[in-house]
Amino acid sequence: MIDSKAPTEPVRILSSAHLAAGQYPALSELEFGLIVANNAFGRWVVRCMRAAGEPDLGLTDILVLHHVHHRRRHKRLADVCFTLNYEDSYVISYSLKKLLKMDLVVGEKVGKEVFYRTTPGGAALLDRFREIRERCLFPGVEGELADGDELSQIAERLRMLSGLYDQAARAASSL
């Protein structure tokens, strides 16, 4: 029998109860949400790209291709690393080389820098990706998820969390 007078703790959905025992237990709940959302997002992006016709790209490759195509402006390796918040430039460099070999991007050397842009084939692939995204993802967007202002606020909070975790990573690396 459940004692209705007993205080009830909020039910937290998380993967590491030992991390929720501290000062901010809801932070552990958020971290678990980020983990499962990140994994679901990665799976979605790869499968969407596969449905668009390119099964050989991984998540990072796809994110790099999207960013290189962004606003159809040429991008340097450093630009891509900075925008996507990748610390290890070799990961992005590897993706760019893969995209070059697949003729989805081209690189143009200007001075000591290489500037990348999508090829017509890369742009067409991204158009197919967008069409699949609209067909498969958009029908499920409803309620609070359909509120553009709400989504923008969530995105802003995620960027704030990114800064918090980046700062904590710097602090941890100096211990």
C-alpha atoms as a PDB file:
ATOM      1  CA  MET A   1       0.000   0.000   0.000  1.00  0.00           C
ATOM      2  CA  ILE A   2       1.299   3.437  -0.923  1.00  0.00           C
ATOM      3  CA  ASP A   3       1.312   5.979   1.899  1.00  0.00           C
ATOM      4  CA  SER A   4      -0.395   9.069   0.449  1.00  0.00           C
ATOM      5  CA  LYS A   5       1.193  11.221   3.187  1.00  0.00           C
ATOM      6  CA  ALA A   6       4.745  10.265   2.221  1.00  0.00           C
ATOM      7  CA  PRO A   7       6.629  12.962   0.298  1.00  0.00           C
ATOM      8  CA  THR A   8       6.958  12.119  -3.353  1.00  0.00           C
ATOM      9  CA  GLU A   9      10.184  12.675  -5.199  1.00  0.00           C
ATOM     10  CA  PRO A  10       9.865  13.662  -8.828  1.00  0.00           C
ATOM     11  CA  VAL A  11      10.442  10.740 -11.148  1.00  0.00           C
ATOM     12  CA  ARG A  12      13.569  11.483 -13.123  1.00  0.00           C
ATOM     13  CA  ILE A  13      14.320   9.665 -16.341  1.00  0.00           C
ATOM     14  CA  LEU A  14      18.071   9.260 -16.458  1.00  0.00           C
ATOM     15  CA  SER A  15      20.816   6.751 -17.015  1.00  0.00           C
ATOM     16  CA  SER A  16      23.159   7.644 -14.157  1.00  0.00           C
ATOM     17  CA  ALA A  17      21.390   7.981 -10.808  1.00  0.00           C
ATOM     18  CA  HIS A  18      24.742   8.497  -9.108  1.00  0.00           C
ATOM     19  CA  LEU A  19      25.121  11.778 -11.021  1.00  0.00           C
ATOM     20  CA  ALA A  20      21.631  12.921  -9.997  1.00  0.00           C
ATOM     21  CA  ALA A  21      22.513  12.711  -6.310  1.00  0.00           C
ATOM     22  CA  GLY A  22      24.229  16.109  -6.369  1.00  0.00           C
ATOM     23  CA  GLN A  23      23.088  19.697  -6.264  1.00  0.00           C
ATOM     24  CA  TYR A  24      21.299  19.729  -9.639  1.00  0.00           C
ATOM     25  CA  PRO A  25      19.523  16.397 -10.165  1.00  0.00           C
ATOM     26  CA  ALA A  26      17.511  17.815 -13.076  1.00  0.00           C
ATOM     27  CA  LEU A  27      20.806  18.410 -14.912  1.00  0.00           C
ATOM     28  CA  SER A  28      21.331  14.629 -15.032  1.00  0.00           C
ATOM     29  CA  GLU A  29      17.841  14.253 -16.438  1.00  0.00           C
ATOM     30  CA  LEU A  30      18.641  16.848 -19.093  1.00  0.00           C
ATOM     31  CA  GLU A  31      21.934  15.127 -19.913  1.00  0.00           C
ATOM     32  CA  PHE A  32      20.139  11.839 -20.480  1.00  0.00           C
ATOM     33  CA  GLY A  33      17.649  13.660 -22.708  1.00  0.00           C
ATOM     34  CA  LEU A  34      20.575  15.086 -24.689  1.00  0.00           C
ATOM     35  CA  ILE A  35      22.119  11.624 -25.033  1.00  0.00           C
ATOM     36  CA  VAL A  36      18.993   9.973 -26.405  1.00  0.00           C
ATOM     37  CA  ALA A  37      18.109  13.001 -28.573  1.00  0.00           C
ATOM     38  CA  ASN A  38      21.650  13.103 -29.987  1.00  0.00           C
ATOM     39  CA  ASN A  39      21.534   9.397 -30.820  1.00  0.00           C
ATOM     40  CA  ALA A  40      18.066   9.669 -32.386  1.00  0.00           C
ATOM     41  CA  PHE A  41      19.090  12.755 -34.370  1.00  0.00           C
ATOM     42  CA  GLY A  42      22.242  11.050 -35.653  1.00  0.00           C
ATOM     43  CA  ARG A  43      20.299   7.963 -36.695  1.00  0.00           C
ATOM     44  CA  TRP A  44      17.685  10.143 -38.410  1.00  0.00           C
ATOM     45  CA  VAL A  45      20.226  12.219 -40.364  1.00  0.00           C
ATOM     46  CA  VAL A  46      22.094   9.148 -41.627  1.00  0.00           C
ATOM     47  CA  ARG A  47      18.883   7.364 -42.641  1.00  0.00           C
ATOM     48  CA  CYS A  48      17.495  10.487 -44.284  1.00  0.00           C
ATOM     49  CA  MET A  49      20.704  10.800 -46.315  1.00  0.00           C
ATOM     50  CA  ARG A  50      20.499   7.118 -47.230  1.00  0.00           C
ATOM     51  CA  ALA A  51      16.905   7.661 -48.422  1.00  0.00           C
ATOM     52  CA  ALA A  52      18.136  10.681 -50.412  1.00  0.00           C
ATOM     53  CA  GLY A  53      20.467   8.349 -52.276  1.00  0.00           C
ATOM     54  CA  GLU A  54      23.813   8.409 -50.463  1.00  0.00           C
ATOM     55  CA  PRO A  55      24.348   5.483 -48.083  1.00  0.00           C
ATOM     56  CA  ASP A  56      28.087   5.986 -47.562  1.00  0.00           C
ATOM     57  CA  LEU A  57      28.060   9.141 -45.450  1.00  0.00           C
ATOM     58  CA  GLY A  58      28.289   9.175 -41.670  1.00  0.00           C
ATOM     59  CA  LEU A  59      26.807  11.790 -39.383  1.00  0.00           C
ATOM     60  CA  THR A  60      29.856  14.068 -39.350  1.00  0.00           C
ATOM     61  CA  ASP A  61      30.181  13.860 -43.133  1.00  0.00           C
ATOM     62  CA  ILE A  62      26.539  14.895 -43.535  1.00  0.00           C
ATOM     63  CA  LEU A  63      26.825  17.773 -41.070  1.00  0.00           C
ATOM     64  CA  VAL A  64      29.955  19.009 -42.847  1.00  0.00           C
ATOM     65  CA  LEU A  65      28.245  18.795 -46.244  1.00  0.00           C
ATOM     66  CA  HIS A  66      25.251  20.775 -44.954  1.00  0.00           C
ATOM     67  CA  HIS A  67      27.497  23.439 -43.473  1.00  0.00           C
ATOM     68  CA  VAL A  68      29.690  23.760 -46.561  1.00  0.00           C
ATOM     69  CA  HIS A  69      26.479  24.302 -48.552  1.00  0.00           C
ATOM     70  CA  HIS A  70      25.073  26.798 -45.986  1.00  0.00           C
ATOM     71  CA  ARG A  71      24.258  30.098 -47.707  1.00  0.00           C
ATOM     72  CA  ARG A  72      26.315  28.869 -50.649  1.00  0.00           C
ATOM     73  CA  ARG A  73      29.403  30.608 -49.288  1.00  0.00           C
ATOM     74  CA  HIS A  74      32.839  29.048 -49.502  1.00  0.00           C
ATOM     75  CA  LYS A  75      34.063  27.632 -46.177  1.00  0.00           C
ATOM     76  CA  ARG A  76      37.521  26.969 -44.773  1.00  0.00           C
ATOM     77  CA  LEU A  77      38.330  23.989 -42.570  1.00  0.00           C
ATOM     78  CA  ALA A  78      38.554  26.343 -39.580  1.00  0.00           C
ATOM     79  CA  ASP A  79      35.106  27.781 -40.365  1.00  0.00           C
ATOM     80  CA  VAL A  80      33.516  24.333 -40.379  1.00  0.00           C
ATOM     81  CA  CYS A  81      35.276  23.289 -37.166  1.00  0.00           C
ATOM     82  CA  PHE A  82      34.265  26.486 -35.398  1.00  0.00           C
ATOM     83  CA  THR A  83      30.638  26.457 -36.483  1.00  0.00           C
ATOM     84  CA  LEU A  84      30.051  22.765 -35.768  1.00  0.00           C
ATOM     85  CA  ASN A  85      32.068  23.029 -32.520  1.00  0.00           C
ATOM     86  CA  TYR A  86      34.589  20.327 -33.431  1.00  0.00           C
ATOM     87  CA  GLU A  87      37.822  20.622 -31.499  1.00  0.00           C
ATOM     88  CA  ASP A  88      39.686  18.021 -33.562  1.00  0.00           C
ATOM     89  CA  SER A  89      40.157  19.486 -37.037  1.00  0.00           C
ATOM     90  CA  TYR A  90      41.424  16.138 -38.366  1.00  0.00           C
ATOM     91  CA  VAL A  91      37.868  14.746 -38.024  1.00  0.00           C
ATOM     92  CA  ILE A  92      36.491  17.517 -40.226  1.00  0.00           C
ATOM     93  CA  SER A  93      39.484  17.285 -42.564  1.00  0.00           C
ATOM     94  CA  TYR A  94      38.789  13.559 -43.017  1.00  0.00           C
ATOM     95  CA  SER A  95      35.143  14.290 -43.848  1.00  0.00           C
ATOM     96  CA  LEU A  96      36.116  16.981 -46.343  1.00  0.00           C
ATOM     97  CA  LYS A  97      38.530  14.583 -48.069  1.00  0.00           C
ATOM     98  CA  LYS A  98      35.785  11.960 -48.241  1.00  0.00           C
ATOM     99  CA  LEU A  99      33.328  14.497 -49.682  1.00  0.00           C
ATOM    100  CA  LEU A 100      35.957  15.619 -52.218  1.00  0.00           C
ATOM    101  CA  LYS A 101      36.521  12.009 -53.375  1.00  0.00           C
ATOM    102  CA  MET A 102      32.761  11.553 -53.731  1.00  0.00           C
ATOM    103  CA  ASP A 103      32.580  14.763 -55.828  1.00  0.00           C
ATOM    104  CA  LEU A 104      30.102  16.340 -53.397  1.00  0.00           C
ATOM    105  CA  VAL A 105      32.402  19.278 -52.599  1.00  0.00           C
ATOM    106  CA  VAL A 106      35.324  20.968 -54.330  1.00  0.00           C
ATOM    107  CA  GLY A 107      38.200  22.836 -52.768  1.00  0.00           C
ATOM    108  CA  GLU A 108      39.852  25.946 -54.133  1.00  0.00           C
ATOM    109  CA  LYS A 109      43.203  27.084 -52.799  1.00  0.00           C
ATOM    110  CA  VAL A 110      43.425  30.807 -52.105  1.00  0.00           C
ATOM    111  CA  GLY A 111      46.815  31.698 -50.672  1.00  0.00           C
ATOM    112  CA  LYS A 112      47.519  29.164 -47.953  1.00  0.00           C
ATOM    113  CA  GLU A 113      43.850  28.382 -47.311  1.00  0.00           C
ATOM    114  CA  VAL A 114      41.534  25.951 -49.067  1.00  0.00           C
ATOM    115  CA  PHE A 115      37.943  27.096 -49.478  1.00  0.00           C
ATOM    116  CA  TYR A 116      35.255  24.439 -49.959  1.00  0.00           C
ATOM    117  CA  ARG A 117      31.892  24.602 -51.673  1.00  0.00           C
ATOM    118  CA  THR A 118      29.351  22.062 -52.802  1.00  0.00           C
ATOM    119  CA  THR A 119      29.340  20.728 -56.333  1.00  0.00           C
ATOM    120  CA  PRO A 120      26.118  20.626 -58.349  1.00  0.00           C
ATOM    121  CA  GLY A 121      25.881  16.937 -57.364  1.00  0.00           C
ATOM    122  CA  GLY A 122      26.331  17.808 -53.688  1.00  0.00           C
ATOM    123  CA  ALA A 123      23.672  20.520 -53.921  1.00  0.00           C
ATOM    124  CA  ALA A 124      21.257  18.118 -55.646  1.00  0.00           C
ATOM    125  CA  LEU A 125      21.832  15.514 -52.925  1.00  0.00           C
ATOM    126  CA  LEU A 126      21.053  18.115 -50.257  1.00  0.00           C
ATOM    127  CA  ASP A 127      17.880  19.100 -52.122  1.00  0.00           C
ATOM    128  CA  ARG A 128      16.773  15.454 -52.019  1.00  0.00           C
ATOM    129  CA  PHE A 129      17.675  15.348 -48.300  1.00  0.00           C
ATOM    130  CA  ARG A 130      15.486  18.416 -47.696  1.00  0.00           C
ATOM    131  CA  GLU A 131      12.577  16.821 -49.574  1.00  0.00           C
ATOM    132  CA  ILE A 132      12.844  13.586 -47.548  1.00  0.00           C
ATOM    133  CA  ARG A 133      13.117  15.644 -44.334  1.00  0.00           C
ATOM    134  CA  GLU A 134       9.945  17.535 -45.154  1.00  0.00           C
ATOM    135  CA  ARG A 135       8.095  14.354 -46.089  1.00  0.00           C
ATOM    136  CA  CYS A 136       9.168  12.262 -43.093  1.00  0.00           C
ATOM    137  CA  LEU A 137       9.847  14.693 -40.247  1.00  0.00           C
ATOM    138  CA  PHE A 138       7.410  17.566 -40.692  1.00  0.00           C
ATOM    139  CA  PRO A 139       4.174  15.566 -40.297  1.00  0.00           C
ATOM    140  CA  GLY A 140       5.209  14.730 -36.710  1.00  0.00           C
ATOM    141  CA  VAL A 141       5.814  18.350 -35.762  1.00  0.00           C
ATOM    142  CA  GLU A 142       2.840  19.474 -33.706  1.00  0.00           C
ATOM    143  CA  GLY A 143       1.931  21.169 -30.435  1.00  0.00           C
ATOM    144  CA  GLU A 144       4.855  22.967 -28.786  1.00  0.00           C
ATOM    145  CA  LEU A 145       7.193  21.612 -31.464  1.00  0.00           C
ATOM    146  CA  ALA A 146       5.204  23.510 -34.107  1.00  0.00           C
ATOM    147  CA  ASP A 147       5.739  26.818 -32.266  1.00  0.00           C
ATOM    148  CA  GLY A 148       8.660  28.528 -33.998  1.00  0.00           C
ATOM    149  CA  ASP A 149       9.296  30.850 -31.047  1.00  0.00           C
ATOM    150  CA  GLU A 150       9.394  27.888 -28.657  1.00  0.00           C
ATOM    151  CA  LEU A 151      11.841  26.026 -30.907  1.00  0.00           C
ATOM    152  CA  SER A 152      14.043  29.124 -31.094  1.00  0.00           C
ATOM    153  CA  GLN A 153      14.063  29.346 -27.283  1.00  0.00           C
ATOM    154  CA  ILE A 154      15.029  25.685 -27.009  1.00  0.00           C
ATOM    155  CA  ALA A 155      17.829  26.239 -29.544  1.00  0.00           C
ATOM    156  CA  GLU A 156      19.050  29.235 -27.525  1.00  0.00           C
ATOM    157  CA  ARG A 157      19.119  27.149 -24.340  1.00  0.00           C
ATOM    158  CA  LEU A 158      21.031  24.397 -26.102  1.00  0.00           C
ATOM    159  CA  ARG A 159      23.632  26.936 -27.241  1.00  0.00           C
ATOM    160  CA  MET A 160      23.881  28.213 -23.651  1.00  0.00           C
ATOM    161  CA  LEU A 161      24.392  24.632 -22.446  1.00  0.00           C
ATOM    162  CA  SER A 162      27.056  24.163 -25.095  1.00  0.00           C
ATOM    163  CA  GLY A 163      28.947  27.104 -23.633  1.00  0.00           C
ATOM    164  CA  LEU A 164      28.526  25.734 -20.112  1.00  0.00           C
ATOM    165  CA  TYR A 165      29.875  22.314 -21.122  1.00  0.00           C
ATOM    166  CA  ASP A 166      32.723  23.858 -23.148  1.00  0.00           C
ATOM    167  CA  GLN A 167      33.774  25.900 -20.116  1.00  0.00           C
ATOM    168  CA  ALA A 168      33.522  22.853 -17.851  1.00  0.00           C
ATOM    169  CA  ALA A 169      35.638  20.865 -20.344  1.00  0.00           C
ATOM    170  CA  ARG A 170      38.333  23.552 -20.209  1.00  0.00           C
ATOM    171  CA  ALA A 171      38.230  23.527 -16.417  1.00  0.00           C
ATOM    172  CA  ALA A 172      38.427  19.718 -16.303  1.00  0.00           C
ATOM    173  CA  SER A 173      41.400  19.659 -18.672  1.00  0.00           C
ATOM    174  CA  SER A 174      43.359  21.888 -16.302  1.00  0.00           C
ATOM    175  CA  LEU A 175      42.874  19.634 -13.269  1.00  0.00           C
END
